[in-house]
N, C-alpha and C. Protein backbone atom coordinates (compact mmCIF):
# COMPACT_ATOMS: atom_id res chain seq x y z
N MET A 1 25.55 -8.48 -10.07
CA MET A 1 24.10 -8.45 -10.04
C MET A 1 23.53 -9.67 -10.74
N PHE A 2 24.08 -10.01 -11.91
CA PHE A 2 23.58 -11.17 -12.65
C PHE A 2 23.68 -12.44 -11.83
N SER A 3 24.79 -12.64 -11.10
CA SER A 3 24.95 -13.86 -10.33
C SER A 3 23.96 -13.93 -9.17
N ARG A 4 23.62 -12.80 -8.55
CA ARG A 4 22.63 -12.80 -7.48
C ARG A 4 21.25 -13.18 -8.01
N VAL A 5 20.90 -12.64 -9.15
CA VAL A 5 19.60 -12.94 -9.75
C VAL A 5 19.55 -14.41 -10.13
N THR A 6 20.64 -14.91 -10.73
CA THR A 6 20.70 -16.32 -11.14
C THR A 6 20.59 -17.23 -9.91
N ILE A 7 21.32 -16.93 -8.87
CA ILE A 7 21.28 -17.75 -7.65
C ILE A 7 19.88 -17.72 -7.06
N ALA A 8 19.26 -16.55 -6.99
CA ALA A 8 17.90 -16.46 -6.45
C ALA A 8 16.91 -17.24 -7.30
N THR A 9 17.05 -17.15 -8.63
CA THR A 9 16.15 -17.86 -9.54
C THR A 9 16.32 -19.37 -9.38
N VAL A 10 17.55 -19.84 -9.32
CA VAL A 10 17.80 -21.27 -9.15
C VAL A 10 17.24 -21.73 -7.81
N GLY A 11 17.42 -20.94 -6.75
CA GLY A 11 16.88 -21.29 -5.45
C GLY A 11 15.37 -21.41 -5.47
N LEU A 12 14.70 -20.47 -6.12
CA LEU A 12 13.25 -20.53 -6.23
C LEU A 12 12.81 -21.74 -7.06
N ALA A 13 13.53 -22.03 -8.12
CA ALA A 13 13.17 -23.18 -8.96
C ALA A 13 13.31 -24.48 -8.19
N VAL A 14 14.38 -24.62 -7.41
CA VAL A 14 14.58 -25.83 -6.60
C VAL A 14 13.45 -25.95 -5.58
N ALA A 15 13.10 -24.86 -4.93
CA ALA A 15 12.01 -24.89 -3.94
C ALA A 15 10.69 -25.28 -4.60
N ALA A 16 10.41 -24.73 -5.78
CA ALA A 16 9.17 -25.05 -6.48
C ALA A 16 9.14 -26.51 -6.90
N LEU A 17 10.24 -27.02 -7.40
CA LEU A 17 10.29 -28.43 -7.82
C LEU A 17 10.16 -29.35 -6.62
N THR A 18 10.80 -29.01 -5.52
CA THR A 18 10.70 -29.83 -4.31
C THR A 18 9.26 -29.89 -3.83
N THR A 19 8.58 -28.76 -3.84
CA THR A 19 7.18 -28.71 -3.42
C THR A 19 6.31 -29.49 -4.38
N ALA A 20 6.55 -29.36 -5.68
CA ALA A 20 5.72 -30.03 -6.68
C ALA A 20 5.89 -31.54 -6.66
N CYS A 21 6.99 -32.03 -6.17
CA CYS A 21 7.25 -33.46 -6.15
C CYS A 21 6.70 -34.13 -4.91
N GLY A 22 5.99 -33.40 -4.07
CA GLY A 22 5.42 -33.97 -2.84
C GLY A 22 4.30 -34.94 -3.17
N THR A 23 3.78 -35.58 -2.14
CA THR A 23 2.70 -36.54 -2.31
C THR A 23 1.39 -35.79 -2.50
N THR A 24 0.39 -36.50 -2.96
CA THR A 24 -0.91 -35.88 -3.15
C THR A 24 -1.65 -35.71 -1.83
N GLN A 25 -1.30 -36.47 -0.81
CA GLN A 25 -1.93 -36.34 0.49
C GLN A 25 -0.93 -35.72 1.45
N ALA A 26 -1.19 -34.51 1.85
CA ALA A 26 -0.25 -33.80 2.72
C ALA A 26 -0.29 -34.39 4.12
N ALA A 27 0.89 -34.70 4.64
CA ALA A 27 1.00 -35.19 6.02
C ALA A 27 1.27 -34.00 6.92
N PRO A 28 0.73 -34.00 8.12
CA PRO A 28 1.00 -32.90 9.03
C PRO A 28 2.49 -32.86 9.37
N ALA A 29 3.03 -31.67 9.38
CA ALA A 29 4.45 -31.52 9.70
C ALA A 29 4.66 -31.72 11.20
N ALA A 30 5.86 -32.13 11.55
CA ALA A 30 6.18 -32.24 12.96
C ALA A 30 6.19 -30.85 13.56
N ALA A 31 5.65 -30.72 14.74
CA ALA A 31 5.56 -29.43 15.39
C ALA A 31 6.59 -29.36 16.51
N PRO A 32 7.57 -28.46 16.41
CA PRO A 32 8.59 -28.37 17.45
C PRO A 32 8.09 -27.58 18.66
N VAL A 33 8.74 -27.79 19.80
CA VAL A 33 8.40 -27.06 21.01
C VAL A 33 9.67 -26.71 21.76
N SER A 34 9.64 -25.61 22.47
CA SER A 34 10.75 -25.25 23.35
C SER A 34 10.43 -25.75 24.74
N LEU A 35 11.44 -26.21 25.43
CA LEU A 35 11.26 -26.65 26.81
C LEU A 35 11.48 -25.48 27.75
N PRO A 36 10.85 -25.52 28.92
CA PRO A 36 11.17 -24.50 29.91
C PRO A 36 12.63 -24.65 30.31
N ALA A 37 13.22 -23.58 30.80
CA ALA A 37 14.65 -23.59 31.13
C ALA A 37 15.01 -24.75 32.06
N SER A 38 14.14 -25.11 32.99
CA SER A 38 14.45 -26.17 33.94
C SER A 38 14.52 -27.54 33.29
N ALA A 39 13.92 -27.71 32.10
CA ALA A 39 13.88 -29.02 31.46
C ALA A 39 14.87 -29.17 30.32
N SER A 40 15.52 -28.09 29.92
CA SER A 40 16.42 -28.20 28.79
C SER A 40 17.87 -28.10 29.23
N SER A 41 18.74 -28.68 28.47
CA SER A 41 20.16 -28.65 28.75
C SER A 41 20.74 -27.31 28.31
N SER A 42 21.69 -26.80 29.05
CA SER A 42 22.26 -25.50 28.71
C SER A 42 23.04 -25.56 27.41
N SER A 43 23.46 -26.74 26.96
CA SER A 43 24.23 -26.85 25.73
C SER A 43 23.34 -26.94 24.49
N GLU A 44 22.02 -27.06 24.67
CA GLU A 44 21.12 -27.19 23.54
C GLU A 44 20.58 -25.85 23.09
N ALA A 45 20.41 -25.71 21.79
CA ALA A 45 19.77 -24.51 21.26
C ALA A 45 18.30 -24.58 21.61
N PRO A 46 17.67 -23.45 21.87
CA PRO A 46 16.24 -23.48 22.19
C PRO A 46 15.42 -23.93 20.98
N GLY A 47 14.27 -24.52 21.25
CA GLY A 47 13.36 -24.96 20.18
C GLY A 47 13.65 -26.35 19.71
N ALA A 48 12.66 -26.95 19.08
CA ALA A 48 12.75 -28.28 18.47
C ALA A 48 13.08 -29.39 19.47
N ALA A 49 12.78 -29.19 20.77
CA ALA A 49 13.04 -30.23 21.75
C ALA A 49 12.04 -31.37 21.63
N LEU A 50 10.79 -31.05 21.35
CA LEU A 50 9.74 -32.06 21.23
C LEU A 50 9.01 -31.86 19.91
N SER A 51 8.72 -32.94 19.22
CA SER A 51 7.94 -32.88 17.99
C SER A 51 7.02 -34.09 17.96
N ILE A 52 6.09 -34.09 17.01
CA ILE A 52 5.20 -35.23 16.83
C ILE A 52 5.15 -35.55 15.35
N THR A 53 5.20 -36.84 15.04
CA THR A 53 5.08 -37.26 13.65
C THR A 53 3.75 -37.95 13.45
N ASP A 54 3.16 -37.74 12.30
CA ASP A 54 1.90 -38.35 11.89
C ASP A 54 0.79 -38.23 12.93
N PRO A 55 0.50 -37.03 13.44
CA PRO A 55 -0.59 -36.89 14.42
C PRO A 55 -1.95 -37.03 13.75
N TRP A 56 -2.84 -37.83 14.36
CA TRP A 56 -4.18 -38.02 13.81
C TRP A 56 -5.19 -38.28 14.91
N VAL A 57 -6.45 -38.02 14.59
CA VAL A 57 -7.57 -38.25 15.49
C VAL A 57 -8.52 -39.21 14.80
N LYS A 58 -8.97 -40.22 15.52
CA LYS A 58 -9.92 -41.17 14.95
C LYS A 58 -11.25 -40.46 14.68
N THR A 59 -11.75 -40.59 13.44
CA THR A 59 -13.04 -40.00 13.12
C THR A 59 -14.11 -40.64 14.00
N ALA A 60 -15.07 -39.82 14.39
CA ALA A 60 -16.11 -40.31 15.30
C ALA A 60 -17.26 -39.34 15.32
N GLY A 61 -18.42 -39.84 15.77
CA GLY A 61 -19.55 -38.97 16.05
C GLY A 61 -19.29 -38.30 17.39
N LYS A 62 -20.31 -37.75 17.96
CA LYS A 62 -20.18 -37.10 19.27
C LYS A 62 -19.86 -38.16 20.33
N GLY A 63 -19.26 -37.74 21.42
CA GLY A 63 -18.97 -38.66 22.52
C GLY A 63 -17.48 -38.72 22.82
N MET A 64 -16.85 -39.81 22.40
CA MET A 64 -15.43 -40.01 22.69
C MET A 64 -14.65 -40.35 21.42
N THR A 65 -13.40 -39.96 21.42
CA THR A 65 -12.46 -40.37 20.38
C THR A 65 -11.07 -40.26 20.98
N ALA A 66 -10.05 -40.49 20.17
CA ALA A 66 -8.67 -40.45 20.68
C ALA A 66 -7.72 -39.93 19.61
N ALA A 67 -6.58 -39.44 20.06
CA ALA A 67 -5.54 -38.92 19.17
C ALA A 67 -4.29 -39.78 19.30
N PHE A 68 -3.57 -39.87 18.18
CA PHE A 68 -2.41 -40.75 18.09
C PHE A 68 -1.28 -40.05 17.33
N GLY A 69 -0.12 -40.66 17.34
CA GLY A 69 1.06 -40.15 16.64
C GLY A 69 2.29 -40.64 17.39
N THR A 70 3.44 -40.13 17.02
CA THR A 70 4.68 -40.48 17.71
C THR A 70 5.33 -39.21 18.23
N LEU A 71 5.43 -39.10 19.56
CA LEU A 71 6.12 -37.98 20.19
C LEU A 71 7.62 -38.24 20.13
N VAL A 72 8.39 -37.26 19.66
CA VAL A 72 9.83 -37.42 19.49
C VAL A 72 10.54 -36.37 20.34
N ASN A 73 11.48 -36.83 21.17
CA ASN A 73 12.26 -35.96 22.04
C ASN A 73 13.63 -35.75 21.41
N ASN A 74 13.89 -34.54 20.97
CA ASN A 74 15.16 -34.21 20.33
C ASN A 74 16.15 -33.60 21.30
N SER A 75 15.88 -33.70 22.59
CA SER A 75 16.75 -33.10 23.60
C SER A 75 17.57 -34.16 24.32
N GLY A 76 18.42 -33.71 25.21
CA GLY A 76 19.25 -34.60 26.00
C GLY A 76 18.66 -34.94 27.36
N ALA A 77 17.40 -34.54 27.59
CA ALA A 77 16.74 -34.81 28.87
C ALA A 77 15.35 -35.40 28.61
N ASP A 78 14.90 -36.26 29.53
CA ASP A 78 13.55 -36.81 29.41
C ASP A 78 12.53 -35.68 29.42
N ILE A 79 11.43 -35.87 28.69
CA ILE A 79 10.31 -34.93 28.68
C ILE A 79 9.07 -35.72 29.10
N THR A 80 8.28 -35.16 30.03
CA THR A 80 7.06 -35.82 30.48
C THR A 80 5.86 -34.96 30.14
N VAL A 81 4.92 -35.55 29.39
CA VAL A 81 3.65 -34.90 29.08
C VAL A 81 2.69 -35.26 30.21
N VAL A 82 2.12 -34.25 30.88
CA VAL A 82 1.27 -34.51 32.04
C VAL A 82 -0.21 -34.20 31.81
N ALA A 83 -0.54 -33.49 30.74
CA ALA A 83 -1.95 -33.16 30.46
C ALA A 83 -2.09 -32.73 29.01
N GLY A 84 -3.34 -32.65 28.57
CA GLY A 84 -3.61 -32.20 27.21
C GLY A 84 -4.90 -31.43 27.14
N SER A 85 -5.05 -30.63 26.08
CA SER A 85 -6.29 -29.91 25.86
C SER A 85 -6.51 -29.72 24.36
N THR A 86 -7.77 -29.54 23.99
CA THR A 86 -8.17 -29.25 22.62
C THR A 86 -9.52 -28.55 22.66
N PRO A 87 -9.77 -27.63 21.74
CA PRO A 87 -11.08 -26.99 21.69
C PRO A 87 -12.21 -27.97 21.37
N LEU A 88 -11.86 -29.14 20.84
CA LEU A 88 -12.86 -30.14 20.47
C LEU A 88 -13.50 -30.81 21.69
N SER A 89 -12.81 -30.79 22.83
CA SER A 89 -13.29 -31.53 24.00
C SER A 89 -12.99 -30.78 25.30
N PRO A 90 -13.98 -30.72 26.20
CA PRO A 90 -13.74 -30.10 27.50
C PRO A 90 -12.96 -31.00 28.45
N LYS A 91 -12.85 -32.29 28.10
CA LYS A 91 -12.17 -33.24 28.98
C LYS A 91 -11.20 -34.09 28.16
N VAL A 92 -9.90 -33.89 28.40
CA VAL A 92 -8.85 -34.63 27.70
C VAL A 92 -7.99 -35.32 28.75
N GLU A 93 -7.73 -36.60 28.54
CA GLU A 93 -6.89 -37.36 29.46
C GLU A 93 -5.84 -38.14 28.69
N LEU A 94 -4.72 -38.40 29.35
CA LEU A 94 -3.68 -39.26 28.80
C LEU A 94 -3.99 -40.67 29.27
N HIS A 95 -4.17 -41.60 28.32
CA HIS A 95 -4.60 -42.96 28.66
C HIS A 95 -3.58 -44.00 28.24
N GLU A 96 -3.69 -45.15 28.91
CA GLU A 96 -2.96 -46.35 28.54
C GLU A 96 -3.96 -47.49 28.47
N VAL A 97 -3.57 -48.56 27.80
CA VAL A 97 -4.37 -49.78 27.76
C VAL A 97 -3.53 -50.86 28.43
N VAL A 98 -4.12 -51.49 29.46
CA VAL A 98 -3.42 -52.51 30.23
C VAL A 98 -4.33 -53.71 30.44
N GLU A 99 -3.72 -54.83 30.82
CA GLU A 99 -4.50 -56.02 31.13
C GLU A 99 -4.88 -55.99 32.61
N SER A 100 -6.16 -56.27 32.88
CA SER A 100 -6.65 -56.33 34.24
C SER A 100 -7.70 -57.44 34.32
N LYS A 101 -7.42 -58.45 35.14
CA LYS A 101 -8.35 -59.57 35.33
C LYS A 101 -8.70 -60.25 34.01
N GLY A 102 -7.68 -60.40 33.16
CA GLY A 102 -7.87 -61.09 31.90
C GLY A 102 -8.48 -60.27 30.78
N LYS A 103 -8.74 -58.98 31.03
CA LYS A 103 -9.32 -58.10 30.02
C LYS A 103 -8.38 -56.93 29.77
N MET A 104 -8.43 -56.39 28.56
CA MET A 104 -7.70 -55.18 28.24
C MET A 104 -8.60 -53.99 28.57
N ILE A 105 -8.09 -53.08 29.39
CA ILE A 105 -8.88 -51.92 29.78
C ILE A 105 -8.10 -50.62 29.53
N MET A 106 -8.84 -49.53 29.33
CA MET A 106 -8.25 -48.20 29.23
C MET A 106 -8.33 -47.54 30.60
N ARG A 107 -7.28 -46.78 30.93
CA ARG A 107 -7.29 -46.03 32.17
C ARG A 107 -6.32 -44.85 32.05
N PRO A 108 -6.48 -43.84 32.91
CA PRO A 108 -5.53 -42.72 32.88
C PRO A 108 -4.11 -43.23 33.16
N LYS A 109 -3.14 -42.67 32.48
CA LYS A 109 -1.74 -43.07 32.61
C LYS A 109 -1.12 -42.32 33.80
N GLU A 110 -0.80 -43.07 34.86
CA GLU A 110 -0.15 -42.48 36.05
C GLU A 110 1.16 -41.83 35.65
N GLY A 111 1.34 -40.57 35.99
CA GLY A 111 2.59 -39.88 35.71
C GLY A 111 2.71 -39.34 34.30
N GLY A 112 1.75 -39.61 33.43
CA GLY A 112 1.78 -39.08 32.07
C GLY A 112 2.66 -39.91 31.14
N PHE A 113 2.98 -39.33 29.99
CA PHE A 113 3.81 -39.99 28.98
C PHE A 113 5.24 -39.47 29.11
N VAL A 114 6.19 -40.38 29.35
CA VAL A 114 7.60 -40.01 29.44
C VAL A 114 8.25 -40.30 28.10
N ILE A 115 8.81 -39.27 27.49
CA ILE A 115 9.53 -39.43 26.22
C ILE A 115 11.02 -39.36 26.58
N PRO A 116 11.75 -40.47 26.44
CA PRO A 116 13.15 -40.48 26.87
C PRO A 116 14.02 -39.54 26.03
N ALA A 117 15.10 -39.07 26.65
CA ALA A 117 16.05 -38.20 25.96
C ALA A 117 16.49 -38.87 24.66
N GLY A 118 16.37 -38.15 23.56
CA GLY A 118 16.78 -38.67 22.26
C GLY A 118 15.90 -39.79 21.74
N GLY A 119 14.77 -40.04 22.37
CA GLY A 119 13.91 -41.17 21.99
C GLY A 119 12.53 -40.72 21.56
N SER A 120 11.61 -41.68 21.55
CA SER A 120 10.24 -41.39 21.13
C SER A 120 9.25 -42.18 21.97
N HIS A 121 7.98 -41.80 21.85
CA HIS A 121 6.90 -42.47 22.57
C HIS A 121 5.72 -42.56 21.63
N GLN A 122 5.30 -43.78 21.32
CA GLN A 122 4.21 -43.98 20.37
C GLN A 122 2.85 -43.89 21.05
N LEU A 123 1.95 -43.17 20.41
CA LEU A 123 0.55 -43.11 20.82
C LEU A 123 -0.21 -43.89 19.76
N THR A 124 -0.74 -45.07 20.15
CA THR A 124 -1.33 -45.99 19.17
C THR A 124 -2.69 -46.51 19.65
N PRO A 125 -3.56 -46.88 18.70
CA PRO A 125 -4.79 -47.57 19.09
C PRO A 125 -4.42 -48.86 19.82
N GLY A 126 -5.05 -49.11 20.95
CA GLY A 126 -4.73 -50.29 21.74
C GLY A 126 -3.55 -50.09 22.66
N GLY A 127 -3.00 -48.88 22.70
CA GLY A 127 -1.86 -48.55 23.56
C GLY A 127 -2.07 -47.18 24.18
N ASP A 128 -0.98 -46.50 24.48
CA ASP A 128 -1.08 -45.15 25.01
C ASP A 128 -1.74 -44.25 23.96
N HIS A 129 -2.57 -43.30 24.42
CA HIS A 129 -3.25 -42.39 23.50
C HIS A 129 -3.76 -41.18 24.27
N ILE A 130 -4.17 -40.16 23.53
CA ILE A 130 -4.78 -38.97 24.12
C ILE A 130 -6.28 -39.13 23.96
N MET A 131 -6.99 -39.26 25.09
CA MET A 131 -8.43 -39.53 25.09
C MET A 131 -9.22 -38.23 25.14
N LEU A 132 -10.18 -38.09 24.22
CA LEU A 132 -11.07 -36.93 24.18
C LEU A 132 -12.46 -37.39 24.60
N MET A 133 -13.01 -36.77 25.63
CA MET A 133 -14.33 -37.15 26.14
C MET A 133 -15.29 -35.98 25.99
N ASP A 134 -16.57 -36.29 25.98
CA ASP A 134 -17.62 -35.28 25.87
C ASP A 134 -17.45 -34.43 24.60
N VAL A 135 -17.01 -35.06 23.52
CA VAL A 135 -16.84 -34.37 22.24
C VAL A 135 -18.23 -33.98 21.74
N ALA A 136 -18.43 -32.70 21.47
CA ALA A 136 -19.75 -32.20 21.09
C ALA A 136 -19.99 -32.15 19.59
N GLU A 137 -18.94 -32.30 18.79
CA GLU A 137 -19.12 -32.26 17.34
C GLU A 137 -18.42 -33.45 16.68
N LYS A 138 -18.93 -33.83 15.53
CA LYS A 138 -18.42 -34.97 14.79
C LYS A 138 -17.01 -34.67 14.26
N VAL A 139 -16.12 -35.67 14.32
CA VAL A 139 -14.78 -35.55 13.75
C VAL A 139 -14.83 -36.22 12.37
N GLU A 140 -14.69 -35.42 11.34
CA GLU A 140 -14.75 -35.90 9.95
C GLU A 140 -13.34 -36.21 9.43
N PRO A 141 -13.23 -37.08 8.41
CA PRO A 141 -11.93 -37.30 7.78
C PRO A 141 -11.36 -35.97 7.26
N GLY A 142 -10.11 -35.73 7.53
CA GLY A 142 -9.44 -34.51 7.07
C GLY A 142 -9.60 -33.32 7.99
N ALA A 143 -10.45 -33.44 9.02
CA ALA A 143 -10.62 -32.32 9.97
C ALA A 143 -9.28 -32.02 10.63
N GLU A 144 -9.00 -30.76 10.87
CA GLU A 144 -7.77 -30.36 11.56
C GLU A 144 -8.12 -30.00 12.99
N VAL A 145 -7.53 -30.75 13.93
CA VAL A 145 -7.86 -30.59 15.35
C VAL A 145 -6.61 -30.11 16.10
N PRO A 146 -6.65 -28.88 16.66
CA PRO A 146 -5.50 -28.38 17.41
C PRO A 146 -5.43 -28.99 18.82
N PHE A 147 -4.22 -29.25 19.27
CA PHE A 147 -3.97 -29.78 20.61
C PHE A 147 -2.88 -28.97 21.29
N THR A 148 -2.95 -28.90 22.61
CA THR A 148 -1.85 -28.36 23.41
C THR A 148 -1.58 -29.36 24.52
N LEU A 149 -0.34 -29.82 24.59
CA LEU A 149 0.08 -30.72 25.66
C LEU A 149 0.83 -29.91 26.70
N THR A 150 0.58 -30.22 27.98
CA THR A 150 1.28 -29.57 29.08
C THR A 150 2.40 -30.48 29.52
N LEU A 151 3.60 -29.90 29.66
CA LEU A 151 4.78 -30.66 30.03
C LEU A 151 5.10 -30.47 31.50
N GLN A 152 5.68 -31.50 32.11
CA GLN A 152 6.12 -31.38 33.50
C GLN A 152 7.08 -30.21 33.57
N GLY A 153 6.92 -29.35 34.54
CA GLY A 153 7.76 -28.17 34.65
C GLY A 153 7.09 -26.93 34.09
N GLY A 154 5.91 -27.10 33.43
CA GLY A 154 5.15 -25.94 33.00
C GLY A 154 5.20 -25.57 31.54
N GLY A 155 6.03 -26.18 30.73
CA GLY A 155 6.06 -25.85 29.31
C GLY A 155 4.85 -26.44 28.60
N THR A 156 4.63 -26.00 27.37
CA THR A 156 3.55 -26.56 26.56
C THR A 156 4.07 -26.90 25.18
N PHE A 157 3.33 -27.76 24.49
CA PHE A 157 3.65 -28.19 23.14
C PHE A 157 2.35 -28.23 22.35
N SER A 158 2.27 -27.50 21.25
CA SER A 158 1.05 -27.45 20.45
C SER A 158 1.28 -28.10 19.09
N PHE A 159 0.23 -28.76 18.59
CA PHE A 159 0.29 -29.38 17.27
C PHE A 159 -1.13 -29.52 16.74
N THR A 160 -1.26 -29.86 15.48
CA THR A 160 -2.56 -30.10 14.85
C THR A 160 -2.59 -31.52 14.34
N ALA A 161 -3.66 -32.24 14.69
CA ALA A 161 -3.86 -33.62 14.22
C ALA A 161 -4.97 -33.62 13.18
N VAL A 162 -4.93 -34.60 12.28
CA VAL A 162 -5.89 -34.70 11.18
C VAL A 162 -6.86 -35.84 11.44
N GLY A 163 -8.16 -35.61 11.20
CA GLY A 163 -9.17 -36.65 11.33
C GLY A 163 -8.91 -37.76 10.33
N LYS A 164 -8.97 -39.02 10.81
CA LYS A 164 -8.65 -40.17 9.96
C LYS A 164 -9.57 -41.34 10.33
N ASP A 165 -10.15 -41.96 9.30
CA ASP A 165 -10.92 -43.19 9.52
C ASP A 165 -9.97 -44.29 9.94
N PHE A 166 -10.35 -45.07 10.94
CA PHE A 166 -9.53 -46.19 11.39
C PHE A 166 -10.41 -47.22 12.07
N ALA A 167 -10.32 -48.46 11.62
CA ALA A 167 -11.13 -49.52 12.21
C ALA A 167 -10.25 -50.66 12.72
N GLY A 168 -8.94 -50.53 12.64
CA GLY A 168 -8.00 -51.61 12.94
C GLY A 168 -8.07 -52.20 14.33
N ALA A 169 -8.17 -51.39 15.36
CA ALA A 169 -8.14 -51.92 16.72
C ALA A 169 -9.54 -52.22 17.25
N LYS A 170 -10.55 -51.93 16.47
CA LYS A 170 -11.95 -52.18 16.85
C LYS A 170 -12.31 -51.50 18.16
N GLU A 171 -11.70 -50.36 18.43
CA GLU A 171 -12.01 -49.61 19.64
C GLU A 171 -13.24 -48.76 19.40
N ASN A 172 -14.07 -48.61 20.43
CA ASN A 172 -15.29 -47.85 20.28
C ASN A 172 -15.24 -46.53 21.04
N TYR A 173 -14.55 -46.45 22.16
CA TYR A 173 -14.43 -45.25 22.97
C TYR A 173 -15.77 -44.71 23.45
N GLN A 174 -16.71 -45.59 23.74
CA GLN A 174 -17.99 -45.17 24.30
C GLN A 174 -18.17 -45.83 25.66
N PRO A 175 -18.71 -45.11 26.65
CA PRO A 175 -18.91 -45.69 27.98
C PRO A 175 -19.74 -46.96 27.90
N GLY A 176 -19.38 -47.93 28.73
CA GLY A 176 -20.13 -49.17 28.81
C GLY A 176 -19.73 -50.20 27.77
N MET A 177 -18.78 -49.88 26.90
CA MET A 177 -18.36 -50.83 25.87
C MET A 177 -17.31 -51.77 26.45
N GLU A 178 -17.08 -52.88 25.80
CA GLU A 178 -16.10 -53.87 26.23
C GLU A 178 -14.75 -53.20 26.50
N GLY A 179 -14.15 -53.52 27.62
CA GLY A 179 -12.83 -52.97 27.95
C GLY A 179 -12.90 -51.64 28.68
N MET A 180 -14.12 -51.15 28.90
CA MET A 180 -14.27 -49.89 29.62
C MET A 180 -15.28 -50.09 30.74
N ASN A 181 -15.11 -49.40 31.82
CA ASN A 181 -16.09 -49.48 32.92
C ASN A 181 -17.32 -48.66 32.58
N GLU A 182 -18.43 -49.04 33.17
CA GLU A 182 -19.68 -48.33 32.97
C GLU A 182 -19.52 -46.89 33.43
N GLY A 183 -20.02 -45.95 32.67
CA GLY A 183 -20.03 -44.55 33.09
C GLY A 183 -18.95 -43.73 32.45
N ASP A 184 -17.76 -43.66 33.06
CA ASP A 184 -16.78 -42.71 32.56
C ASP A 184 -15.64 -43.32 31.77
N GLY A 185 -15.61 -44.64 31.59
CA GLY A 185 -14.56 -45.25 30.78
C GLY A 185 -13.26 -45.47 31.49
N HIS A 186 -13.28 -45.50 32.81
CA HIS A 186 -12.05 -45.69 33.58
C HIS A 186 -12.15 -46.89 34.49
N GLU A 187 -10.99 -47.41 34.86
CA GLU A 187 -10.93 -48.50 35.84
C GLU A 187 -11.22 -47.96 37.20
């Protein structure tokens, strides 16, 4: 009995110390997802096939904003994200930034985001990203925004991104701005 109590106490102490030694700014944990049977290998354990590291949403007023992070594929098969949704926006699209006629423009990503087997896919300002349109409420720093991504084959992957101030890429995400077509922001 004494050894069980001692082991349990030591285990709790280690857990408490590990938690106490964390950073002062909590980073969102990677969110695992299970793939539908058609997309996963029979030799893999279910779960943890797809995760995201450092998910965040650019703070913004009403209108448009975008979400970023790194999608990580922990499986032996490619995973394709074909759509997204969030309660923050009635219209979510997967976008890329490409050069067209000497200008960098945003447009919907044909075929979605492919995360290679055992690899990752970065969602970055000025690159691939999850575009939120018709946002009706302001995204504040620290806001927690839930997302659900739809995977080719019918599976889904859910995660929460944190509102973050960012001015690095000088992106505005408003219709009619440089790099976007008038009206809906597409080529």
